[in-house]
Protein backbone atom coordinates (compact mmCIF):
# COMPACT_ATOMS: atom_id res chain seq x y z
CA UNK A 1 38.57 192.59 46.17
CA UNK A 2 38.86 193.63 49.85
CA UNK A 3 40.63 196.85 48.93
CA UNK A 4 38.02 197.65 46.33
CA UNK A 5 35.16 197.18 48.81
CA UNK A 6 36.86 199.26 51.51
CA UNK A 7 37.56 202.09 49.07
CA UNK A 8 33.91 202.17 48.02
CA UNK A 9 32.71 202.17 51.65
CA UNK A 10 35.15 204.89 52.72
CA UNK A 11 34.29 207.11 49.80
CA UNK A 12 30.59 206.78 50.50
CA UNK A 13 31.00 207.70 54.15
CA UNK A 14 33.13 210.75 53.41
CA UNK A 15 30.72 212.08 50.89
CA UNK A 16 27.70 211.68 53.19
CA UNK A 17 29.10 213.02 56.49
CA UNK A 18 31.32 215.60 58.14
CA UNK A 19 34.21 213.48 59.30
CA UNK A 20 34.97 215.70 62.29
CA UNK A 21 31.51 215.09 63.71
CA UNK A 22 31.81 211.30 63.67
CA UNK A 23 32.01 209.38 66.94
CA UNK A 24 33.38 205.85 66.52
CA UNK A 25 33.05 204.85 70.14
CA UNK A 26 30.86 201.82 70.70
CA UNK A 27 30.14 201.43 66.96
CA UNK A 28 29.18 197.81 66.08
CA UNK A 29 30.41 196.87 62.59
CA UNK A 30 28.04 194.65 60.58
CA UNK A 31 29.24 192.23 57.85
CA UNK A 32 28.89 193.63 54.35
CA UNK A 33 27.40 191.44 51.65
CA UNK A 34 27.10 192.08 47.95
CA UNK A 35 27.33 190.74 44.43
CA UNK A 36 30.35 191.00 42.16
CA UNK A 37 31.02 190.10 38.54
CA UNK A 38 33.73 190.78 36.02
CA UNK A 39 34.53 189.53 32.51
CA UNK A 40 37.34 187.13 31.65
CA UNK A 41 37.23 187.53 27.91
CA UNK A 42 35.21 187.75 24.74
CA UNK A 43 35.83 186.12 21.38
CA UNK A 44 33.97 186.41 18.08
CA UNK A 45 34.48 183.64 15.57
CA UNK A 46 33.81 184.34 11.88
CA UNK A 47 33.36 181.19 9.84
CA UNK A 48 35.35 182.53 6.90
CA UNK A 49 38.38 183.02 9.15
CA UNK A 50 37.97 179.76 11.02
CA UNK A 51 37.85 177.67 7.86
CA UNK A 52 40.62 179.62 6.11
CA UNK A 53 43.04 178.89 8.96
CA UNK A 54 42.52 175.16 8.47
CA UNK A 55 42.56 174.83 4.70
CA UNK A 56 46.36 174.85 4.34
CA UNK A 57 48.08 174.72 0.94
CA UNK A 58 46.26 171.76 -0.59
CA UNK A 59 42.72 173.08 -0.44
CA UNK A 60 41.30 176.21 -1.97
CA UNK A 61 38.42 178.00 -0.20
CA UNK A 62 35.79 179.74 -2.27
CA UNK A 63 32.44 181.43 -1.64
CA UNK A 64 29.48 181.33 -3.97
CA UNK A 65 26.94 184.10 -4.50
CA UNK A 66 25.06 183.05 -1.36
CA UNK A 67 28.30 183.11 0.73
CA UNK A 68 28.28 179.31 1.04
CA UNK A 69 31.82 178.16 1.77
CA UNK A 70 33.22 175.41 -0.45
CA UNK A 71 36.56 173.62 -0.28
CA UNK A 72 38.24 172.75 -3.59
CA UNK A 73 41.20 170.57 -4.50
CA UNK A 74 42.65 170.58 -8.03
CA UNK A 75 45.17 168.12 -9.48
CA UNK A 76 46.07 166.26 -12.67
CA UNK A 77 47.13 162.73 -13.47
CA UNK A 78 48.74 161.50 -16.68
CA UNK A 79 49.50 158.09 -18.16
CA UNK A 80 51.46 157.63 -21.40
CA UNK A 81 53.15 154.24 -21.10
CA UNK A 82 52.14 152.59 -24.37
CA UNK A 83 54.38 149.59 -23.62
CA UNK A 84 51.77 148.46 -21.09
CA UNK A 85 49.39 147.84 -23.99
CA UNK A 86 51.86 146.46 -26.50
CA UNK A 87 55.62 146.10 -26.78
CA UNK A 88 57.44 145.20 -30.00
CA UNK A 89 61.15 144.48 -29.87
CA UNK A 90 63.34 143.44 -32.79
CA UNK A 91 61.64 140.90 -35.03
CA UNK A 92 64.11 138.23 -36.20
CA UNK A 93 63.05 135.34 -38.45
CA UNK A 94 64.95 132.74 -40.47
CA UNK A 95 64.38 130.78 -43.66
CA UNK A 96 66.20 128.01 -45.51
CA UNK A 97 65.88 126.70 -49.05
CA UNK A 98 67.75 123.81 -50.62
CA UNK A 99 69.14 124.22 -54.11
CA UNK A 100 68.14 121.66 -56.73
CA UNK A 101 70.58 118.95 -57.78
CA UNK A 102 72.48 119.92 -60.90
CA UNK A 103 75.32 117.67 -62.19
CA UNK A 104 78.39 119.23 -63.81
CA UNK A 105 78.60 119.18 -67.58
CA UNK A 106 77.73 122.46 -69.20
CA UNK A 107 77.34 126.09 -68.11
CA UNK A 108 73.77 126.56 -66.95
CA UNK A 109 71.39 128.55 -64.73
CA UNK A 110 69.14 127.06 -62.09
CA UNK A 111 66.22 129.01 -60.59
CA UNK A 112 64.53 129.08 -57.22
CA UNK A 113 61.16 130.68 -56.58
CA UNK A 114 59.57 130.11 -53.16
CA UNK A 115 57.75 131.95 -50.38
CA UNK A 116 57.86 131.94 -46.60
CA UNK A 117 55.23 132.87 -44.06
CA UNK A 118 57.02 134.36 -41.07
CA UNK A 119 55.84 135.67 -37.70
CA UNK A 120 55.89 139.30 -36.62
CA UNK A 121 55.18 138.73 -32.94
CA UNK A 122 54.93 141.38 -30.19
CA UNK A 123 56.11 140.48 -26.71
CA UNK A 124 52.74 139.30 -25.39
CA UNK A 125 51.37 137.86 -28.63
CA UNK A 126 48.79 140.59 -29.21
CA UNK A 127 47.12 140.33 -32.60
CA UNK A 128 48.51 143.05 -34.84
CA UNK A 129 46.80 144.46 -37.88
CA UNK A 130 49.40 146.96 -39.07
CA UNK A 131 52.34 148.98 -37.86
CA UNK A 132 53.57 152.33 -39.18
CA UNK A 133 57.23 153.07 -38.62
CA UNK A 134 58.84 156.25 -37.39
CA UNK A 135 62.35 154.77 -37.51
CA UNK A 136 63.91 151.39 -38.03
CA UNK A 137 65.70 149.17 -40.52
CA UNK A 138 64.70 146.04 -42.41
CA UNK A 139 67.73 143.88 -43.19
CA UNK A 140 68.25 140.45 -44.71
CA UNK A 141 71.46 138.47 -44.27
CA UNK A 142 71.90 135.72 -46.86
CA UNK A 143 74.34 132.83 -46.51
CA UNK A 144 75.00 130.76 -49.63
CA UNK A 145 76.68 127.37 -49.61
CA UNK A 146 76.60 127.15 -53.43
CA UNK A 147 79.64 126.94 -55.63
CA UNK A 148 78.07 129.06 -58.34
CA UNK A 149 76.96 132.68 -58.41
CA UNK A 150 73.74 133.38 -56.51
CA UNK A 151 71.59 136.27 -57.72
CA UNK A 152 68.77 136.78 -55.27
CA UNK A 153 65.81 139.06 -54.74
CA UNK A 154 63.53 139.10 -51.69
CA UNK A 155 60.11 140.70 -51.94
CA UNK A 156 58.56 141.52 -48.56
CA UNK A 157 55.04 142.07 -49.82
CA UNK A 158 53.53 143.06 -46.47
CA UNK A 159 55.97 145.91 -45.87
CA UNK A 160 55.36 148.80 -48.23
CA UNK A 161 56.25 152.41 -48.82
CA UNK A 162 53.37 154.56 -47.52
CA UNK A 163 53.68 157.05 -50.36
CA UNK A 164 54.03 154.67 -53.32
CA UNK A 165 52.53 151.51 -51.79
CA UNK A 166 55.43 149.56 -53.36
CA UNK A 167 56.70 146.57 -51.40
CA UNK A 168 60.24 146.37 -50.06
CA UNK A 169 62.55 144.49 -52.42
CA UNK A 170 66.10 143.58 -51.35
CA UNK A 171 68.48 142.13 -53.94
CA UNK A 172 72.10 141.09 -54.08
CA UNK A 173 74.73 138.75 -55.49
CA UNK A 174 77.03 136.21 -53.82
CA UNK A 175 79.84 134.69 -55.87
CA UNK A 176 80.42 131.21 -54.56
CA UNK A 177 79.96 130.27 -50.91
CA UNK A 178 79.62 133.45 -48.89
CA UNK A 179 77.45 135.98 -47.07
CA UNK A 180 75.72 139.18 -48.10
CA UNK A 181 73.50 141.66 -46.23
CA UNK A 182 71.02 144.13 -47.70
CA UNK A 183 69.21 146.83 -45.66
CA UNK A 184 66.22 149.11 -46.21
CA UNK A 185 65.23 152.04 -43.97
CA UNK A 186 61.72 151.68 -42.54
CA UNK A 187 61.08 155.42 -42.40
CA UNK A 188 57.81 156.17 -44.24
CA UNK A 189 56.97 152.46 -44.36
CA UNK A 190 54.29 150.25 -42.89
CA UNK A 191 53.78 146.54 -42.39
CA UNK A 192 50.34 145.04 -42.90
CA UNK A 193 49.89 141.71 -41.17
CA UNK A 194 47.45 139.07 -42.31
CA UNK A 195 45.06 136.53 -40.96
CA UNK A 196 44.98 137.81 -37.40
CA UNK A 197 48.07 135.68 -36.75
CA UNK A 198 50.82 138.29 -37.05
CA UNK A 199 52.26 136.77 -40.23
CA UNK A 200 54.02 138.36 -43.16
CA UNK A 201 55.34 136.78 -46.35
CA UNK A 202 58.76 136.79 -47.94
CA UNK A 203 59.18 135.72 -51.58
CA UNK A 204 62.61 134.55 -52.69
CA UNK A 205 63.32 134.75 -56.42
CA UNK A 206 66.84 133.51 -57.11
CA UNK A 207 68.98 132.30 -59.99
CA UNK A 208 72.16 130.22 -59.70
CA UNK A 209 74.73 130.67 -62.46
CA UNK A 210 76.82 127.47 -62.67
CA UNK A 211 79.96 126.89 -64.68
CA UNK A 212 80.42 123.59 -66.54
CA UNK A 213 82.52 122.26 -63.70
CA UNK A 214 80.09 123.35 -60.92
CA UNK A 215 78.18 120.49 -59.38
CA UNK A 216 75.14 120.67 -57.07
CA UNK A 217 74.33 117.39 -55.39
CA UNK A 218 71.00 118.65 -53.95
CA UNK A 219 71.87 119.29 -50.31
CA UNK A 220 73.41 122.76 -50.67
CA UNK A 221 71.40 125.44 -48.85
CA UNK A 222 70.60 129.10 -49.01
CA UNK A 223 69.85 130.50 -45.55
CA UNK A 224 68.59 133.95 -44.70
CA UNK A 225 67.84 135.94 -41.56
CA UNK A 226 65.36 138.83 -41.80
CA UNK A 227 65.40 141.47 -39.07
CA UNK A 228 63.07 144.35 -38.31
CA UNK A 229 65.41 146.26 -36.01
CA UNK A 230 65.58 149.49 -34.00
CA UNK A 231 61.89 150.10 -34.58
CA UNK A 232 59.86 153.00 -33.33
CA UNK A 233 56.30 153.55 -34.47
CA UNK A 234 54.03 156.34 -35.60
CA UNK A 235 50.97 154.16 -35.26
CA UNK A 236 50.08 150.59 -34.34
CA UNK A 237 46.76 148.94 -35.11
CA UNK A 238 45.65 145.64 -33.64
CA UNK A 239 43.78 143.76 -30.97
CA UNK A 240 45.77 144.50 -27.85
CA UNK A 241 43.72 142.34 -25.50
CA UNK A 242 43.32 142.98 -21.79
CA UNK A 243 46.04 144.54 -19.66
CA UNK A 244 46.08 146.11 -16.22
CA UNK A 245 47.59 149.58 -16.15
CA UNK A 246 48.32 152.16 -13.46
CA UNK A 247 46.27 155.19 -14.49
CA UNK A 248 47.14 157.27 -11.42
CA UNK A 249 49.21 156.68 -8.32
CA UNK A 250 49.68 159.74 -6.15
CA UNK A 251 48.61 161.12 -2.80
CA UNK A 252 47.80 164.52 -1.35
CA UNK A 253 47.89 165.86 2.18
CA UNK A 254 44.56 167.29 3.29
CA UNK A 255 45.56 170.05 5.69
CA UNK A 256 41.96 170.85 6.55
CA UNK A 257 41.54 167.50 8.26
CA UNK A 258 45.08 167.10 9.55
CA UNK A 259 44.91 170.49 11.29
CA UNK A 260 41.41 169.93 12.56
CA UNK A 261 42.39 166.43 13.70
CA UNK A 262 38.91 165.61 14.79
CA UNK A 263 35.93 163.49 13.91
CA UNK A 264 32.26 164.27 14.00
CA UNK A 265 31.79 166.29 10.81
CA UNK A 266 29.97 164.83 7.81
CA UNK A 267 29.71 166.67 4.51
CA UNK A 268 26.37 166.35 2.78
CA UNK A 269 27.38 166.66 -0.85
CA UNK A 270 31.12 166.16 -1.47
CA UNK A 271 32.25 165.08 -4.91
CA UNK A 272 35.35 164.12 -6.87
CA UNK A 273 35.19 164.75 -10.60
CA UNK A 274 37.66 163.18 -13.02
CA UNK A 275 37.67 164.73 -16.52
CA UNK A 276 39.54 162.13 -18.58
CA UNK A 277 41.03 162.64 -22.00
CA UNK A 278 42.10 159.48 -23.82
CA UNK A 279 44.01 159.59 -27.10
CA UNK A 280 44.76 155.86 -27.04
CA UNK A 281 42.44 153.91 -29.27
CA UNK A 282 41.88 151.72 -26.23
CA UNK A 283 38.93 151.85 -23.81
CA UNK A 284 39.98 151.49 -20.17
CA UNK A 285 37.72 150.36 -17.35
CA UNK A 286 38.64 152.14 -14.11
CA UNK A 287 39.19 150.48 -10.76
CA UNK A 288 38.66 152.97 -7.93
CA UNK A 289 38.94 150.40 -5.13
CA UNK A 290 42.45 151.67 -4.34
CA UNK A 291 41.28 155.23 -3.66
CA UNK A 292 41.45 155.76 0.08
CA UNK A 293 41.90 158.16 2.97
CA UNK A 294 44.22 157.56 5.92
CA UNK A 295 46.11 159.26 8.71
CA UNK A 296 49.10 160.01 6.51
CA UNK A 297 50.95 156.81 7.42
CA UNK A 298 48.52 154.19 6.19
CA UNK A 299 46.64 153.91 9.48
CA UNK A 300 42.89 154.42 9.98
CA UNK A 301 42.47 153.67 6.31
CA UNK A 302 39.04 153.96 4.71
CA UNK A 303 38.78 152.56 1.19
CA UNK A 304 36.33 153.88 -1.36
CA UNK A 305 33.41 151.53 -1.88
CA UNK A 306 29.95 151.55 -3.40
CA UNK A 307 28.49 151.30 -6.88
CA UNK A 308 31.42 153.19 -8.44
CA UNK A 309 33.63 150.26 -7.36
CA UNK A 310 31.14 147.43 -7.96
CA UNK A 311 30.24 148.72 -11.43
CA UNK A 312 33.41 150.47 -12.59
CA UNK A 313 33.10 153.16 -15.27
CA UNK A 314 34.98 153.06 -18.56
CA UNK A 315 37.12 155.73 -20.17
CA UNK A 316 36.18 155.62 -23.84
CA UNK A 317 39.00 155.27 -26.31
CA UNK A 318 39.74 157.47 -29.28
CA UNK A 319 37.67 156.26 -32.24
CA UNK A 320 39.79 153.63 -33.95
CA UNK A 321 37.96 154.11 -37.25
CA UNK A 322 38.14 157.89 -37.46
CA UNK A 323 41.80 158.80 -37.96
CA UNK A 324 43.60 158.11 -41.19
CA UNK A 325 46.59 155.83 -40.55
CA UNK A 326 49.11 158.69 -40.59
CA UNK A 327 46.97 161.26 -38.77
CA UNK A 328 47.01 161.42 -34.94
CA UNK A 329 43.77 160.38 -33.31
CA UNK A 330 41.50 162.79 -31.53
CA UNK A 331 41.22 162.78 -27.77
CA UNK A 332 38.04 161.19 -26.43
CA UNK A 333 36.52 162.79 -23.33
CA UNK A 334 34.95 160.97 -20.38
CA UNK A 335 33.78 162.51 -17.11
CA UNK A 336 33.50 160.36 -14.00
CA UNK A 337 32.02 161.75 -10.78
CA UNK A 338 32.30 160.14 -7.38
CA UNK A 339 29.61 161.36 -5.00
CA UNK A 340 27.44 160.16 -2.10
CA UNK A 341 24.94 158.49 -4.43
CA UNK A 342 27.48 156.08 -5.92
CA UNK A 343 30.05 155.71 -3.15
CA UNK A 344 30.88 155.99 0.55
CA UNK A 345 32.63 159.32 -0.02
CA UNK A 346 30.76 160.90 2.91
CA UNK A 347 32.07 158.26 5.30
CA UNK A 348 35.56 158.43 3.85
CA UNK A 349 35.78 162.18 4.49
CA UNK A 350 33.99 161.84 7.84
CA UNK A 351 37.00 159.81 9.03
CA UNK A 352 39.00 163.09 8.89
CA UNK A 353 41.77 161.75 6.64
CA UNK A 354 45.09 163.52 6.69
CA UNK A 355 45.89 162.10 3.27
CA UNK A 356 44.01 160.99 0.17
CA UNK A 357 45.61 158.27 -1.98
CA UNK A 358 44.66 158.13 -5.66
CA UNK A 359 45.72 154.57 -6.50
CA UNK A 360 43.62 154.21 -9.64
CA UNK A 361 44.12 151.21 -11.91
CA UNK A 362 42.50 150.30 -15.21
CA UNK A 363 41.80 147.28 -17.39
CA UNK A 364 42.02 147.75 -21.15
CA UNK A 365 39.30 146.27 -23.37
CA UNK A 366 37.51 144.96 -20.30
CA UNK A 367 34.24 144.38 -22.15
CA UNK A 368 35.70 143.00 -25.37
CA UNK A 369 39.20 141.53 -25.50
CA UNK A 370 38.95 141.29 -29.31
CA UNK A 371 38.25 144.96 -29.84
CA UNK A 372 40.35 146.72 -32.47
CA UNK A 373 42.75 149.24 -30.92
CA UNK A 374 45.45 151.66 -31.92
CA UNK A 375 48.11 153.77 -30.26
CA UNK A 376 50.69 156.38 -31.17
CA UNK A 377 53.82 157.72 -29.48
CA UNK A 378 51.86 160.78 -28.36
CA UNK A 379 48.92 158.79 -26.99
CA UNK A 380 48.08 159.38 -23.35
CA UNK A 381 45.38 159.26 -20.74
CA UNK A 382 45.16 162.39 -18.66
CA UNK A 383 42.65 163.68 -16.15
CA UNK A 384 41.85 166.89 -14.35
CA UNK A 385 40.74 166.09 -10.81
CA UNK A 386 38.41 168.42 -8.94
CA UNK A 387 37.40 167.62 -5.38
CA UNK A 388 34.54 169.85 -4.25
CA UNK A 389 33.35 169.93 -0.65
CA UNK A 390 30.51 172.38 -0.04
CA UNK A 391 30.14 173.31 3.62
CA UNK A 392 26.76 171.65 3.89
CA UNK A 393 27.43 169.64 6.97
CA UNK A 394 26.13 167.52 9.76
CA UNK A 395 27.84 167.61 13.15
CA UNK A 396 27.76 164.86 15.70
CA UNK A 397 29.66 165.65 18.88
CA UNK A 398 32.27 167.78 17.15
CA UNK A 399 34.51 169.43 19.74
CA UNK A 400 36.09 172.89 19.79
CA UNK A 401 38.28 174.09 22.66
CA UNK A 402 39.61 177.42 23.92
CA UNK A 403 41.21 178.84 27.05
CA UNK A 404 40.55 181.96 29.12
CA UNK A 405 43.30 183.17 31.43
CA UNK A 406 42.91 183.72 35.17
CA UNK A 407 46.18 185.56 35.63
CA UNK A 408 47.66 184.56 38.99
CA UNK A 409 44.30 183.26 40.20
CA UNK A 410 41.29 185.05 41.68
CA UNK A 411 41.36 186.05 45.38
CA UNK A 412 37.92 184.89 46.47
CA UNK A 413 38.53 184.30 50.20
CA UNK A 414 35.31 186.03 51.19
CA UNK A 415 33.15 184.67 48.43
CA UNK A 416 30.21 182.57 49.54
CA UNK A 417 29.35 181.27 46.09
CA UNK A 418 30.42 181.86 42.53
CA UNK A 419 29.42 181.08 39.00
CA UNK A 420 30.96 181.20 35.56
CA UNK A 421 28.80 182.99 33.05
CA UNK A 422 28.95 182.02 29.38
CA UNK A 423 27.05 184.23 26.96
CA UNK A 424 26.73 183.16 23.32
CA UNK A 425 25.31 185.09 20.40
CA UNK A 426 25.04 182.41 17.78
CA UNK A 427 24.50 182.58 14.02
CA UNK A 428 25.89 179.10 13.47
CA UNK A 429 23.38 176.34 12.73
CA UNK A 430 24.64 174.30 15.69
CA UNK A 431 23.83 173.76 19.32
CA UNK A 432 26.50 173.19 21.94
CA UNK A 433 27.10 172.03 25.47
CA UNK A 434 30.19 173.11 27.34
CA UNK A 435 32.62 171.33 29.61
CA UNK A 436 34.67 173.58 31.90
CA UNK A 437 37.99 172.67 33.42
CA UNK A 438 39.88 174.98 35.78
CA UNK A 439 43.53 174.13 35.23
CA UNK A 440 46.83 175.15 36.70
CA UNK A 441 49.84 176.46 34.80
CA UNK A 442 50.85 172.89 33.91
CA UNK A 443 47.36 172.21 32.47
CA UNK A 444 46.54 169.86 35.32
CA UNK A 445 42.80 169.81 35.98
CA UNK A 446 41.78 171.24 39.35
CA UNK A 447 38.02 171.29 38.89
CA UNK A 448 35.54 170.11 36.25
CA UNK A 449 31.96 170.98 35.35
CA UNK A 450 30.42 169.01 32.48
CA UNK A 451 27.47 169.19 30.11
CA UNK A 452 26.10 172.69 30.38
CA UNK A 453 23.94 173.91 27.52
CA UNK A 454 25.41 177.19 26.33
CA UNK A 455 24.42 177.39 22.68
CA UNK A 456 21.13 176.69 20.97
CA UNK A 457 20.81 176.41 17.21
CA UNK A 458 18.89 179.32 15.68
CA UNK A 459 15.92 178.78 13.44
CA UNK A 460 17.01 177.11 10.20
CA UNK A 461 14.88 177.55 7.10
CA UNK A 462 14.13 174.92 4.46
CA UNK A 463 17.32 175.85 2.60
CA UNK A 464 19.42 174.96 5.64
CA UNK A 465 20.26 178.60 6.35
CA UNK A 466 20.04 180.66 9.58
CA UNK A 467 17.77 183.69 9.42
CA UNK A 468 18.34 185.24 12.88
CA UNK A 469 20.95 184.67 15.60
CA UNK A 470 20.07 183.07 18.90
CA UNK A 471 21.39 184.31 22.26
CA UNK A 472 21.88 182.20 25.37
CA UNK A 473 23.17 183.20 28.81
CA UNK A 474 24.25 180.29 30.96
CA UNK A 475 25.35 180.66 34.60
CA UNK A 476 27.39 177.67 35.63
CA UNK A 477 27.53 177.47 39.45
CA UNK A 478 30.72 176.68 41.32
CA UNK A 479 30.81 174.99 44.69
CA UNK A 480 33.45 175.64 47.33
CA UNK A 481 35.90 173.33 45.57
CA UNK A 482 35.41 175.28 42.35
CA UNK A 483 35.89 178.64 44.13
CA UNK A 484 39.11 177.38 45.65
CA UNK A 485 40.28 176.22 42.22
CA UNK A 486 39.68 179.72 40.79
CA UNK A 487 41.94 181.16 43.45
CA UNK A 488 44.93 179.08 42.36
CA UNK A 489 44.09 178.27 38.75
CA UNK A 490 45.92 179.59 35.71
CA UNK A 491 43.17 179.35 33.11
CA UNK A 492 39.78 177.90 32.28
CA UNK A 493 39.65 175.33 29.47
CA UNK A 494 36.29 175.47 27.72
CA UNK A 495 35.33 172.60 25.41
CA UNK A 496 32.29 173.05 23.20
CA UNK A 497 30.59 169.92 21.87
CA UNK A 498 28.69 170.89 18.74
CA UNK A 499 25.72 169.18 17.09
CA UNK A 500 23.40 170.01 14.24
CA UNK A 501 19.66 169.72 14.91
CA UNK A 502 18.27 166.22 14.81
CA UNK A 503 15.83 165.40 12.07
CA UNK A 504 12.22 164.85 13.06
CA UNK A 505 11.91 162.57 10.05
CA UNK A 506 14.11 159.98 8.44
CA UNK A 507 15.75 162.68 6.31
CA UNK A 508 19.27 163.65 7.28
CA UNK A 509 19.71 167.33 8.01
CA UNK A 510 22.71 169.04 6.44
CA UNK A 511 23.02 172.70 7.34
CA UNK A 512 24.82 175.35 5.31
CA UNK A 513 27.80 177.18 6.73
CA UNK A 514 27.98 180.67 5.26
CA UNK A 515 31.16 182.70 5.25
CA UNK A 516 29.81 185.59 7.32
CA UNK A 517 28.19 183.53 10.08
CA UNK A 518 29.55 184.58 13.49
CA UNK A 519 29.64 183.15 16.97
CA UNK A 520 30.38 185.47 19.89
CA UNK A 521 31.36 183.88 23.19
CA UNK A 522 31.69 185.94 26.38
CA UNK A 523 33.00 184.43 29.59
CA UNK A 524 32.94 186.00 33.03
CA UNK A 525 32.99 185.17 36.74
CA UNK A 526 30.43 186.36 39.31
CA UNK A 527 29.32 185.58 42.85
CA UNK A 528 28.30 186.77 46.29
CA UNK A 529 30.78 188.00 48.87
CA UNK A 530 30.54 188.29 52.64
CA UNK A 531 33.09 190.69 54.15
CA UNK A 532 33.69 191.07 57.87
CA UNK A 533 35.13 194.49 58.73
């Protein structure tokens, strides 16, 4: 600074005078005063670039025809665990019949004709109507304690061939005391259960051929064990009752918030849309109370609440009456939207979550536990998730920081007073005050000036859009302590505290952030010097 002033003075003198004619004897030198200023830096922020840097990999940034910025997140969830609704393992049932007394004497034949009502029970005692097999075997083991020849035939009237509608009949012969097993494949078969009590009937039609010397005293038994084994199903009809299922359980990192790592921004109209497809013939009521945002480790958790939780929506099931028994059911569609009118989604996102957790449960047949249901191996519940966050926002003390270098410090020994000038040309629909900190190379604060208005929100029309930029020049004075700090400081830390205009009514104001909005910030230092020559 001194050298610059001396050069200017010397040059001026040489230009104005003949140096050889100058007489310096008895010249009294007067102090020289003046004003200096020089820029420290200039930055222009474009909203498109600012937001893009903070979206990360999880969010997609798009612009509509008006240049409104909108953040999108896309994901899918899928549930296909039919065992949660109903589980059928091997069905094993037994029956016993006692042969009639028949004294020895002549060759003869005794007959037995009887029926049994047996249980076909799933694991949780759901009421079954009918099951259609993909694979499996129906077998009957017969144990005879008779001395004669047993000719037997079992008719399982409830289990029939789908094509012919003929019941399964298993027959065999046992000569004297012994055991015999007969098996029928269940492929292309179905079992129709009766009475809402999961029962099926077995009819035993048997004849006992006795020689003259054979004697039955009336306590000899025929025992059988019937097994539906290794079953898989094409289709199951019944009343499955109420079960709690895990529709979705996943989480996503929200880079936009984790990088911003700040609070003070509220989105006016965020939404989460779930487009469900349900090919189970089971309606499922959704429980969104486990949907939450947190800091990535479970801290600062904000759970979803509101009407969407108090009055949970239902995913409709595929129409149980529409498909033919051997035709897959159609997928039923249900759309559920979570938005500020039915939830606290604004507050959840305003907490700046680093992670969203989709812990979504469901209750089957919540409104009617006796509703008729069906399922198939291919049945599933799936959903496309779209989170949409338009940049229609409200700011409350949102902070943005930046630094401007001072090099090795400013030599201001002869400066009487100084100021830091901040010039803003603002298209953003925000106002701002600035806090200045002169810091050393270790970011230790040497001097602080707080709460200077440097940015005023431009005029915002009824659509929440800026029509013309607004310019503000703010000179922030420095006292002697501040001047000394500039001389040894490394940089100036500038912190902007941003706010949207306050409503003059009870209506909240949400302003639109367009992609091509810009904010230009210029920072410089100026002051008055007093130089003794």
